[in-house]
Each structure stands twice: as C-alpha cells, then as structure tokens.
C-alpha cells in the first residue's frame, strides 16, 4: 500500500512518547506545545512536518468567525519555517467547524493557498474541505484508524462510550476497510489514544504488506 500514516503530536504528550511514535509514522501534525522539539524529532526521523492549528477550546464544537480562524492560523502556522512545512491539518474543534460550514471551509482553504502555496491540506476523506481544496490545490483525504465511525460516515463523538479503538488488530481491521471503501491517502492515529505506539507500528506493517 502507498499510504501515509499521520499522527497528532505536540499536544501535551511527553517527548518520550513523541519520539516512540516517530519510527512508525510518515507525517507529524504538530500542535502548539513543544513545537520546536517536535519539529526536530520529525526531521531526525525523516517524518513530514505539518502544522496542527487549534482553537483554545481544543476538541468539541465551536462557532468560529472567519477573522478568528485567520488569526489562529497565522499565529500558529507562523511558528513553522515555510521550507519545513509539508501539510496543515486543523485540530479538533476547528477541523469540525470547517467541515460543517462552507464559508469557513472556503476561508480556510483560500488562506492556506494564499499564504502557504503548495502546502498539502489534510482533511476528512470525502468531506467538504477535501472536496473544495482539491479544486485549486493539493489535498489528502484522511481516515481514522483509532476512532469509530457512525453509519453516516462521521466519527463517534469522544463523549460517547467506545469512541476510541485501542486494540492494534482492530485498528488495522478498520483501516483496511476504510482503505477499501474510501481510498484515503493518509491514515491517522492520535498520540493520546491508549496503545498509540502499538497501533502505529501495526499500521506501518499493514502499509508495507
């Protein structure tokens, strides 16, 4: 399989965990904590560096204005050297806000393509952002190996029981099904999912088959 494996990092996890994940991923979505340390680790392991801008509330639902979105992105993506930046993936609340509001989605995509041309947008496979972004620039569809999906194709909210997949074999089984059905270009595992390292390692074995 020719698949990217991405992981959300720099979100408060210890650097020991950040480094433990690096051998098994190909892209790092780096948040606002220990940004430079995470970038250095990604470069050492030859992992793509990506910005992972977030809203102050983190995960959940949020109403965000276009001005607020631009301010958050300029501030957070600005911490990266443009030459290092491979991709941008919105975090949590911003990710869902852009998927649920076409005005926000257009604003986000126009901003990225204006300020960071050529940088790949990582977005939900088959979702609003990916569909719009592909019209004018590079975008990779993302599927989640460690999150359960609802029948409508959206993720089970983290507030509900069993929203996470923590067993590596089950994560690989879901990943195979998502690859077959959705044809994503990148698979995500979260650093704060229990057994994240084992899941990432299992996904890497799957990809190499």
Protein backbone atom coordinates (compact mmCIF):
# COMPACT_ATOMS: atom_id res chain seq x y z
CA UNK A 1 0.00 0.00 0.00
CA UNK A 2 1.19 3.52 -0.75
CA UNK A 3 -0.29 5.21 2.30
CA UNK A 4 0.82 7.99 4.60
CA UNK A 5 0.44 7.47 8.37
CA UNK A 6 -0.06 10.72 10.28
CA UNK A 7 -0.15 11.38 14.00
CA UNK A 8 -1.29 14.36 16.08
CA UNK A 9 1.66 15.42 18.25
CA UNK A 10 2.79 18.32 20.39
CA UNK A 11 -0.42 18.28 22.41
CA UNK A 12 0.97 17.74 25.88
CA UNK A 13 2.26 14.20 25.50
CA UNK A 14 5.75 13.56 26.91
CA UNK A 15 8.54 13.86 24.37
CA UNK A 16 9.41 10.21 25.07
CA UNK A 17 6.05 9.25 23.57
CA UNK A 18 6.52 11.67 20.67
CA UNK A 19 9.83 10.02 19.82
CA UNK A 20 8.48 6.48 20.34
CA UNK A 21 5.87 7.14 17.64
CA UNK A 22 8.27 8.61 15.08
CA UNK A 23 9.64 5.33 13.61
CA UNK A 24 6.12 4.20 12.68
CA UNK A 25 4.64 7.35 11.10
CA UNK A 26 5.37 9.33 7.96
CA UNK A 27 3.68 12.64 8.85
CA UNK A 28 3.54 14.57 12.13
CA UNK A 29 0.74 17.05 12.84
CA UNK A 30 2.46 19.28 15.37
CA UNK A 31 0.43 21.31 17.83
CA UNK A 32 1.28 24.28 19.98
CA UNK A 33 3.23 22.59 22.78
CA UNK A 34 6.96 21.90 22.38
CA UNK A 35 6.66 22.78 18.72
CA UNK A 36 10.36 23.15 18.01
CA UNK A 37 11.25 19.94 19.86
CA UNK A 38 8.66 18.03 17.83
CA UNK A 39 9.91 19.54 14.58
CA UNK A 40 13.47 18.50 15.46
CA UNK A 41 12.34 14.92 16.15
CA UNK A 42 10.37 14.78 12.91
CA UNK A 43 13.40 15.92 10.94
CA UNK A 44 15.63 13.38 12.69
CA UNK A 45 13.29 10.55 11.72
CA UNK A 46 12.59 11.98 8.26
CA UNK A 47 8.92 12.46 9.02
CA UNK A 48 6.88 15.11 7.17
CA UNK A 49 6.34 18.23 9.28
CA UNK A 50 2.78 19.53 9.48
CA UNK A 51 1.09 22.30 11.43
CA UNK A 52 -1.91 21.38 13.57
CA UNK A 53 -3.59 24.68 14.48
CA UNK A 54 -6.20 24.56 17.19
CA UNK A 55 -8.95 26.62 18.82
CA UNK A 56 -8.45 27.42 22.53
CA UNK A 57 -11.29 25.04 23.47
CA UNK A 58 -9.43 22.17 21.83
CA UNK A 59 -11.89 19.44 20.89
CA UNK A 60 -15.66 19.72 20.69
CA UNK A 61 -18.00 22.03 18.82
CA UNK A 62 -17.28 25.71 18.37
CA UNK A 63 -18.61 28.64 16.37
CA UNK A 64 -15.64 30.38 14.77
CA UNK A 65 -15.61 33.56 12.72
CA UNK A 66 -13.54 33.89 9.59
CA UNK A 67 -11.41 36.58 11.26
CA UNK A 68 -10.81 34.35 14.28
CA UNK A 69 -9.85 31.45 12.05
CA UNK A 70 -7.33 33.56 10.14
CA UNK A 71 -5.84 34.91 13.37
CA UNK A 72 -5.41 31.41 14.81
CA UNK A 73 -3.81 30.05 11.66
CA UNK A 74 -1.44 32.94 11.06
CA UNK A 75 -0.26 32.82 14.66
CA UNK A 76 0.17 29.05 14.91
CA UNK A 77 1.34 28.12 11.42
CA UNK A 78 3.70 31.08 11.61
CA UNK A 79 5.79 29.13 14.13
CA UNK A 80 6.97 26.87 11.32
CA UNK A 81 9.57 27.66 8.70
CA UNK A 82 7.82 27.61 5.34
CA UNK A 83 10.57 25.39 3.95
CA UNK A 84 9.79 22.75 6.60
CA UNK A 85 6.03 22.76 6.15
CA UNK A 86 4.62 19.77 4.28
CA UNK A 87 0.96 19.98 5.31
CA UNK A 88 -1.64 21.62 7.51
CA UNK A 89 -4.31 19.72 9.39
CA UNK A 90 -6.83 21.53 11.58
CA UNK A 91 -7.25 20.25 15.12
CA UNK A 92 -10.44 19.09 16.80
CA UNK A 93 -12.97 21.90 17.00
CA UNK A 94 -11.52 23.76 14.01
CA UNK A 95 -11.49 20.56 11.93
CA UNK A 96 -15.18 20.01 12.58
CA UNK A 97 -16.09 23.70 12.20
CA UNK A 98 -14.59 23.78 8.71
CA UNK A 99 -16.31 20.53 7.73
CA UNK A 100 -19.67 21.87 8.88
CA UNK A 101 -19.63 25.37 7.39
CA UNK A 102 -18.82 26.02 3.74
CA UNK A 103 -17.96 29.69 4.42
CA UNK A 104 -15.36 28.65 6.99
CA UNK A 105 -14.09 25.90 4.68
CA UNK A 106 -13.60 28.34 1.79
CA UNK A 107 -11.91 30.88 4.06
CA UNK A 108 -9.54 28.26 5.43
CA UNK A 109 -8.58 26.89 2.02
CA UNK A 110 -8.10 30.33 0.46
CA UNK A 111 -5.92 31.39 3.38
CA UNK A 112 -3.71 28.30 3.18
CA UNK A 113 -3.32 28.53 -0.57
CA UNK A 114 -2.55 32.26 -0.41
CA UNK A 115 -0.08 32.25 2.48
CA UNK A 116 1.41 28.74 2.17
CA UNK A 117 1.06 27.79 -1.51
CA UNK A 118 1.84 24.18 -2.28
CA UNK A 119 1.30 23.02 1.30
CA UNK A 120 -1.00 19.99 1.41
CA UNK A 121 -4.32 20.25 3.27
CA UNK A 122 -5.15 17.11 5.26
CA UNK A 123 -8.93 16.78 5.63
CA UNK A 124 -11.66 14.20 6.16
CA UNK A 125 -11.75 11.78 3.25
CA UNK A 126 -14.84 12.53 1.18
CA UNK A 127 -15.65 15.58 3.27
CA UNK A 128 -16.41 19.21 2.45
CA UNK A 129 -12.88 20.57 2.93
CA UNK A 130 -11.17 17.92 0.84
CA UNK A 131 -13.66 18.37 -1.99
CA UNK A 132 -13.22 22.15 -2.13
CA UNK A 133 -9.45 22.11 -1.63
CA UNK A 134 -8.82 19.67 -4.48
CA UNK A 135 -10.28 22.14 -6.98
CA UNK A 136 -7.40 24.58 -6.55
CA UNK A 137 -4.53 22.89 -4.69
CA UNK A 138 -3.16 19.75 -3.08
CA UNK A 139 -5.28 17.90 -0.53
CA UNK A 140 -5.05 14.45 1.02
CA UNK A 141 -8.11 12.60 2.22
CA UNK A 142 -7.74 11.32 5.78
CA UNK A 143 -9.32 8.35 7.55
CA UNK A 144 -9.01 7.49 11.23
CA UNK A 145 -7.68 4.12 12.34
CA UNK A 146 -8.25 4.69 16.06
CA UNK A 147 -11.71 6.29 16.00
CA UNK A 148 -15.01 4.52 15.44
CA UNK A 149 -17.36 5.73 12.73
CA UNK A 150 -21.12 6.16 12.78
CA UNK A 151 -23.26 4.69 9.99
CA UNK A 152 -23.46 8.16 8.37
CA UNK A 153 -19.69 8.21 7.97
CA UNK A 154 -18.99 10.73 10.73
CA UNK A 155 -16.90 9.94 13.79
CA UNK A 156 -18.48 8.70 17.00
CA UNK A 157 -18.13 11.65 19.42
CA UNK A 158 -15.47 11.21 22.06
CA UNK A 159 -18.13 11.81 24.71
CA UNK A 160 -19.76 8.50 23.81
CA UNK A 161 -18.58 5.09 25.04
CA UNK A 162 -16.27 3.13 22.78
CA UNK A 163 -15.43 6.14 20.59
CA UNK A 164 -11.78 5.04 20.53
CA UNK A 165 -10.19 1.92 19.09
CA UNK A 166 -7.32 0.89 21.33
CA UNK A 167 -6.61 -2.63 20.08
CA UNK A 168 -3.98 -2.65 17.28
CA UNK A 169 -5.59 -5.58 15.46
CA UNK A 170 -8.97 -3.89 15.47
CA UNK A 171 -7.39 -0.63 14.28
CA UNK A 172 -5.77 -2.45 11.35
CA UNK A 173 -9.03 -4.20 10.51
CA UNK A 174 -10.86 -0.86 10.39
CA UNK A 175 -8.03 0.74 8.43
CA UNK A 176 -8.21 -1.98 5.78
CA UNK A 177 -11.96 -1.45 5.41
CA UNK A 178 -11.57 2.33 5.20
CA UNK A 179 -8.85 1.99 2.57
CA UNK A 180 -11.06 -0.34 0.54
CA UNK A 181 -14.14 1.83 0.82
CA UNK A 182 -12.89 5.42 0.95
CA UNK A 183 -9.47 5.29 -0.74
CA UNK A 184 -7.78 7.72 1.69
CA UNK A 185 -4.24 8.93 1.13
CA UNK A 186 -3.42 9.16 4.82
CA UNK A 187 -4.41 7.28 7.98
CA UNK A 188 -4.46 8.97 11.38
CA UNK A 189 -3.58 7.71 14.83
CA UNK A 190 -3.74 10.05 17.84
CA UNK A 191 -0.84 10.24 20.27
CA UNK A 192 -3.23 10.29 23.24
CA UNK A 193 -5.04 7.10 22.22
CA UNK A 194 -4.12 4.24 24.55
CA UNK A 195 -1.68 1.89 22.79
CA UNK A 196 -0.91 4.57 20.19
CA UNK A 197 2.61 3.27 19.58
CA UNK A 198 1.43 -0.32 19.08
CA UNK A 199 -1.34 0.88 16.75
CA UNK A 200 1.10 2.96 14.70
CA UNK A 201 3.51 0.03 14.48
CA UNK A 202 0.70 -2.29 13.31
CA UNK A 203 -0.40 0.24 10.68
CA UNK A 204 3.15 0.52 9.38
CA UNK A 205 3.30 -3.27 8.98
CA UNK A 206 -0.02 -3.17 7.15
CA UNK A 207 1.15 -0.44 4.81
CA UNK A 208 4.32 -2.39 3.99
CA UNK A 209 2.43 -5.54 3.01
